Amino acid sequence: MHSHRITALPLDEERLSADLAVSEGFVYNDSYADFVSTGLLRSTMLWNQSGSLDEASLGDYEGSARLTPHGEALPYVRELIGRLFDVRYLKYARFMRLAPGSVYVPHRDFLELKSDMVRVHLPLQTDDTVFASEENTVFRMRLGELWRLDATRTHSVGSFSDRDRVHIVCDFIADSLEQVLALDTPAEQELPEGNVAVRPPLTEQARRSLLGLAEVLDEHNYQEIQTLLIKQHFRTAISGDEVFELLKGIAAGSGRADLLHRATAHEEYCMVNR
């Protein structure tokens, strides 16, 4: 697995709470709704190319990022980013809120860009019922932990919490993580054991039961069955790629060519080309 924890940071709870309270009043966008199977992912830019909140998606550009009004409104977050990173390499920083019960469709990022970015997450509000994954590893990113995420690999997020998960997500163009970090700390290359979720294997009987959903699959419950499979990824040892394999298997078994095309086209969009 390429994603890993960089370090754990002490956070100023009082200043963080003040910034989180301010962020409640932000206007967010749902520009990544294509990757949410159920629930809601909202984001807003803190730094981007133009410094405008109207610029909501990632793109290629020369030069360093500019602070947006929402970045200006969060003094503690702004201080953290300036202390942790060499902002000369920063292209985007976003405040991302994942609603309770939300799950991402497994996908790969940066497909639409000319070059891959170095992506770093800093959780500001979360708990142990919120999970991330890379391929067939499911893990927790805990409060105040700084994480390098390899978004070029199949990944997903699942929230089984009763409150929003809030992360700062920073994207850099640089030759390495070390070039980006202003901290004098080596990157951890192994996941801390306590962060990794223990998931039992998917039994053959359970696999057959999931494929048996072909008997009831239709256009009205397609989304719910997709969500069920993604949740299964966080509960049992199936990879993000297997989620699409199971979904296509269910669609093929249903005899619905339109739903098989829907699953195949969505997999192409999430994993290969968009």
Protein backbone atom coordinates (compact mmCIF):
# COMPACT_ATOMS: atom_id res chain seq x y z
CA MET A 1 0.00 0.00 0.00
CA HIS A 2 1.36 3.43 -0.97
CA SER A 3 -0.75 5.64 1.30
CA HIS A 4 0.66 6.10 4.79
CA ARG A 5 0.63 8.25 7.90
CA ILE A 6 3.28 10.96 7.96
CA THR A 7 3.00 12.00 11.61
CA ALA A 8 0.51 12.81 14.35
CA LEU A 9 0.13 16.45 15.34
CA PRO A 10 -1.11 18.14 18.51
CA LEU A 11 -3.99 20.45 17.62
CA ASP A 12 -5.17 23.53 19.47
CA GLU A 13 -8.72 22.42 20.30
CA GLU A 14 -10.00 25.92 21.08
CA ARG A 15 -8.71 27.48 17.85
CA LEU A 16 -9.80 24.46 15.81
CA SER A 17 -13.32 24.64 17.26
CA ALA A 18 -13.50 28.32 16.31
CA ASP A 19 -12.51 27.60 12.70
CA LEU A 20 -14.94 24.66 12.48
CA ALA A 21 -17.74 26.91 13.72
CA VAL A 22 -16.92 29.49 11.04
CA SER A 23 -16.85 26.78 8.36
CA GLU A 24 -20.44 25.80 9.18
CA GLY A 25 -21.53 29.00 7.45
CA PHE A 26 -19.55 28.43 4.25
CA VAL A 27 -21.20 27.92 0.89
CA TYR A 28 -20.10 24.46 -0.27
CA ASN A 29 -20.31 22.77 -3.66
CA ASP A 30 -20.95 19.15 -4.59
CA SER A 31 -18.60 19.03 -7.58
CA TYR A 32 -17.55 15.46 -6.65
CA ALA A 33 -21.09 14.06 -6.46
CA ASP A 34 -20.26 11.53 -9.21
CA PHE A 35 -18.13 9.66 -6.68
CA VAL A 36 -20.71 9.49 -3.86
CA SER A 37 -22.92 6.42 -3.94
CA THR A 38 -25.05 7.56 -1.02
CA GLY A 39 -24.94 10.57 1.28
CA LEU A 40 -23.29 13.91 0.64
CA LEU A 41 -19.75 15.15 0.08
CA ARG A 42 -19.35 18.93 0.16
CA SER A 43 -16.18 20.86 -0.45
CA THR A 44 -14.94 24.41 -0.70
CA MET A 45 -11.63 25.82 -1.84
CA LEU A 46 -9.20 27.40 0.62
CA TRP A 47 -6.42 27.82 -1.96
CA ASN A 48 -6.68 27.48 -5.75
CA GLN A 49 -5.38 29.03 -8.95
CA SER A 50 -7.60 32.09 -8.99
CA GLY A 51 -8.38 32.71 -5.34
CA SER A 52 -12.06 32.58 -6.29
CA LEU A 53 -14.65 30.32 -4.67
CA ASP A 54 -16.20 29.82 -8.11
CA GLU A 55 -13.23 27.64 -9.09
CA ALA A 56 -14.37 24.32 -7.64
CA SER A 57 -12.49 21.59 -9.56
CA LEU A 58 -8.87 20.58 -9.98
CA GLY A 59 -6.91 21.53 -13.10
CA ASP A 60 -3.39 21.99 -14.41
CA TYR A 61 -1.77 25.42 -14.05
CA GLU A 62 1.59 27.11 -13.56
CA GLY A 63 2.58 28.97 -10.41
CA SER A 64 1.48 28.77 -6.79
CA ALA A 65 -2.02 28.77 -5.35
CA ARG A 66 -3.86 31.83 -4.10
CA LEU A 67 -5.85 32.11 -0.90
CA THR A 68 -9.66 32.23 -1.24
CA PRO A 69 -12.05 34.17 1.04
CA HIS A 70 -12.81 30.92 2.88
CA GLY A 71 -9.10 30.37 3.44
CA GLU A 72 -8.85 33.91 4.80
CA ALA A 73 -11.71 33.17 7.20
CA LEU A 74 -9.91 30.25 8.91
CA PRO A 75 -6.85 31.67 10.69
CA TYR A 76 -5.89 28.47 12.52
CA VAL A 77 -6.22 26.30 9.41
CA ARG A 78 -4.22 28.87 7.44
CA GLU A 79 -1.50 28.80 10.09
CA LEU A 80 -1.40 24.99 10.07
CA ILE A 81 -0.95 24.79 6.32
CA GLY A 82 1.77 27.45 6.37
CA ARG A 83 3.58 25.62 9.18
CA LEU A 84 3.30 22.11 7.75
CA PHE A 85 4.01 22.67 4.06
CA ASP A 86 6.12 24.58 1.59
CA VAL A 87 3.20 26.40 0.00
CA ARG A 88 5.23 27.24 -3.11
CA TYR A 89 4.25 23.78 -4.35
CA LEU A 90 0.60 24.02 -3.27
CA LYS A 91 -2.00 23.93 -6.05
CA TYR A 92 -5.21 23.30 -4.13
CA ALA A 93 -6.35 23.12 -0.53
CA ARG A 94 -9.95 22.18 0.20
CA PHE A 95 -12.18 21.92 3.23
CA MET A 96 -14.14 18.69 2.70
CA ARG A 97 -17.20 17.61 4.71
CA LEU A 98 -18.55 14.07 4.40
CA ALA A 99 -22.06 13.65 5.80
CA PRO A 100 -22.92 10.77 8.16
CA GLY A 101 -23.67 7.50 6.37
CA SER A 102 -21.95 8.53 3.13
CA VAL A 103 -19.84 6.19 0.99
CA TYR A 104 -17.64 6.93 -2.02
CA VAL A 105 -17.70 4.85 -5.17
CA PRO A 106 -14.21 3.28 -5.50
CA HIS A 107 -12.24 5.41 -7.95
CA ARG A 108 -8.87 6.78 -8.99
CA ASP A 109 -8.01 10.49 -9.11
CA PHE A 110 -5.94 12.79 -11.35
CA LEU A 111 -7.10 10.95 -14.52
CA GLU A 112 -8.07 14.26 -16.09
CA LEU A 113 -4.75 15.97 -15.28
CA LYS A 114 -1.42 15.96 -17.09
CA SER A 115 0.50 14.93 -13.98
CA ASP A 116 -0.23 13.25 -10.67
CA MET A 117 -0.31 15.37 -7.54
CA VAL A 118 1.03 14.78 -4.06
CA ARG A 119 -2.09 14.61 -1.88
CA VAL A 120 -2.08 15.10 1.88
CA HIS A 121 -5.03 14.80 4.28
CA LEU A 122 -5.35 16.33 7.74
CA PRO A 123 -8.47 15.15 9.65
CA LEU A 124 -10.04 17.90 11.77
CA GLN A 125 -13.23 16.09 12.81
CA THR A 126 -13.69 12.34 12.66
CA ASP A 127 -14.04 9.17 14.73
CA ASP A 128 -13.22 5.47 14.52
CA THR A 129 -16.39 4.66 12.57
CA VAL A 130 -15.10 6.53 9.51
CA PHE A 131 -12.87 4.55 7.13
CA ALA A 132 -10.74 5.08 4.07
CA SER A 133 -9.36 2.42 1.76
CA GLU A 134 -6.68 1.80 -0.81
CA GLU A 135 -7.24 -1.28 -2.96
CA ASN A 136 -7.84 -4.06 -0.37
CA THR A 137 -6.68 -2.24 2.77
CA VAL A 138 -9.18 -0.36 4.95
CA PHE A 139 -7.85 2.08 7.53
CA ARG A 140 -8.72 4.99 9.80
CA MET A 141 -7.24 8.47 9.55
CA ARG A 142 -7.54 9.84 13.05
CA LEU A 143 -7.87 13.39 14.35
CA GLY A 144 -4.65 15.37 13.91
CA GLU A 145 -2.86 12.70 11.87
CA LEU A 146 -1.17 13.88 8.68
CA TRP A 147 -1.58 11.36 5.84
CA ARG A 148 -0.14 10.99 2.36
CA LEU A 149 -2.86 9.48 0.15
CA ASP A 150 -1.94 7.84 -3.14
CA ALA A 151 -5.05 8.88 -5.06
CA THR A 152 -3.80 7.23 -8.28
CA ARG A 153 -4.74 3.86 -6.74
CA THR A 154 -8.28 2.63 -6.26
CA HIS A 155 -9.62 4.20 -3.07
CA SER A 156 -12.87 4.85 -1.27
CA VAL A 157 -14.31 6.33 1.93
CA GLY A 158 -17.11 5.04 4.13
CA SER A 159 -18.69 6.88 7.04
CA PHE A 160 -20.67 4.90 9.61
CA SER A 161 -20.59 7.89 11.96
CA ASP A 162 -23.40 10.14 13.17
CA ARG A 163 -21.57 13.41 12.43
CA ASP A 164 -19.69 15.04 9.58
CA ARG A 165 -16.16 13.96 8.80
CA VAL A 166 -14.10 17.12 8.11
CA HIS A 167 -10.68 17.03 6.43
CA ILE A 168 -8.28 19.52 4.93
CA VAL A 169 -7.13 18.04 1.61
CA CYS A 170 -4.03 19.59 0.01
CA ASP A 171 -2.73 18.85 -3.50
CA PHE A 172 0.81 19.73 -4.55
CA ILE A 173 2.89 19.44 -7.70
CA ALA A 174 6.32 18.32 -6.49
CA ASP A 175 8.88 15.61 -7.07
CA SER A 176 8.33 14.02 -3.67
CA LEU A 177 6.49 14.25 -0.39
CA GLU A 178 9.71 15.38 1.30
CA GLN A 179 9.83 18.41 -1.02
CA VAL A 180 6.34 19.42 0.12
CA LEU A 181 6.81 19.02 3.88
CA ALA A 182 8.11 21.89 5.99
CA LEU A 183 8.31 19.50 8.95
CA ASP A 184 11.61 17.92 9.86
CA THR A 185 10.08 14.46 10.21
CA PRO A 186 10.49 11.31 8.12
CA ALA A 187 7.45 9.81 6.47
CA GLU A 188 6.17 6.60 8.03
CA GLN A 189 6.14 3.88 5.39
CA GLU A 190 4.05 1.36 7.34
CA LEU A 191 0.48 1.83 8.49
CA PRO A 192 0.17 1.88 12.28
CA GLU A 193 -1.42 -1.43 13.24
CA GLY A 194 -4.13 0.28 15.25
CA ASN A 195 -5.28 2.28 12.23
CA VAL A 196 -5.93 -0.78 10.05
CA ALA A 197 -9.44 -2.24 10.10
CA VAL A 198 -9.63 -6.00 10.60
CA ARG A 199 -12.07 -7.46 8.06
CA PRO A 200 -13.01 -11.12 7.71
CA PRO A 201 -12.90 -12.73 4.26
CA LEU A 202 -16.03 -12.75 2.15
CA THR A 203 -17.27 -16.33 2.28
CA GLU A 204 -18.28 -18.14 -0.89
CA GLN A 205 -21.81 -18.39 0.44
CA ALA A 206 -21.91 -14.63 1.00
CA ARG A 207 -20.50 -14.02 -2.50
CA ARG A 208 -23.21 -16.23 -4.00
CA SER A 209 -25.84 -14.36 -1.99
CA LEU A 210 -24.58 -11.02 -3.31
CA LEU A 211 -24.56 -12.28 -6.90
CA GLY A 212 -28.08 -13.59 -6.23
CA LEU A 213 -29.24 -9.97 -6.07
CA ALA A 214 -29.44 -10.31 -9.85
CA GLU A 215 -32.91 -11.74 -9.19
CA VAL A 216 -34.18 -8.39 -7.91
CA LEU A 217 -31.88 -5.81 -9.57
CA ASP A 218 -33.69 -3.11 -11.53
CA GLU A 219 -33.27 0.58 -12.31
CA HIS A 220 -35.03 1.53 -9.06
CA ASN A 221 -32.68 -0.30 -6.67
CA TYR A 222 -29.44 -0.21 -8.67
CA GLN A 223 -28.01 2.60 -6.54
CA GLU A 224 -28.91 0.86 -3.29
CA ILE A 225 -27.25 -2.38 -4.41
CA GLN A 226 -24.13 -0.45 -5.44
CA THR A 227 -24.05 1.15 -1.98
CA LEU A 228 -24.50 -2.22 -0.29
CA LEU A 229 -21.48 -3.60 -2.18
CA ILE A 230 -19.32 -0.61 -1.22
CA LYS A 231 -20.29 -1.03 2.44
CA GLN A 232 -19.38 -4.70 2.11
CA HIS A 233 -15.89 -3.57 1.03
CA PHE A 234 -15.47 -1.85 4.40
CA ARG A 235 -16.82 -4.83 6.35
CA THR A 236 -15.19 -7.79 4.55
CA ALA A 237 -11.93 -8.32 2.71
CA ILE A 238 -12.93 -7.44 -0.85
CA SER A 239 -11.10 -4.74 -2.76
CA GLY A 240 -12.49 -1.59 -4.29
CA ASP A 241 -12.00 -3.12 -7.73
CA GLU A 242 -14.02 -6.18 -6.68
CA VAL A 243 -16.95 -3.90 -5.90
CA PHE A 244 -17.29 -3.17 -9.61
CA GLU A 245 -16.70 -6.82 -10.53
CA LEU A 246 -19.56 -7.88 -8.24
CA LEU A 247 -21.80 -5.09 -9.52
CA LYS A 248 -21.16 -6.11 -13.13
CA GLY A 249 -21.74 -9.76 -12.21
CA ILE A 250 -25.10 -8.90 -10.65
CA ALA A 251 -26.07 -6.78 -13.65
CA ALA A 252 -25.05 -9.53 -16.09
CA GLY A 253 -27.00 -12.12 -14.13
CA SER A 254 -30.10 -9.93 -14.18
CA GLY A 255 -30.22 -10.00 -17.97
CA ARG A 256 -30.47 -6.21 -18.01
CA ALA A 257 -28.05 -5.07 -20.72
CA ASP A 258 -28.78 -1.43 -19.86
CA LEU A 259 -27.70 -1.90 -16.23
CA LEU A 260 -24.59 -3.83 -17.24
CA HIS A 261 -23.70 -0.94 -19.56
CA ARG A 262 -24.35 1.51 -16.71
CA ALA A 263 -21.98 -0.36 -14.38
CA THR A 264 -19.30 -0.77 -17.06
CA ALA A 265 -19.45 2.87 -18.12
CA HIS A 266 -19.27 4.10 -14.52
CA GLU A 267 -16.27 1.87 -13.85
CA GLU A 268 -14.54 3.34 -16.92
CA TYR A 269 -15.27 6.87 -15.68
CA CYS A 270 -14.08 6.17 -12.12
CA MET A 271 -11.03 4.07 -12.93
CA VAL A 272 -9.75 4.68 -16.45
CA ASN A 273 -10.80 7.79 -18.31
CA ARG A 274 -12.82 10.95 -17.71
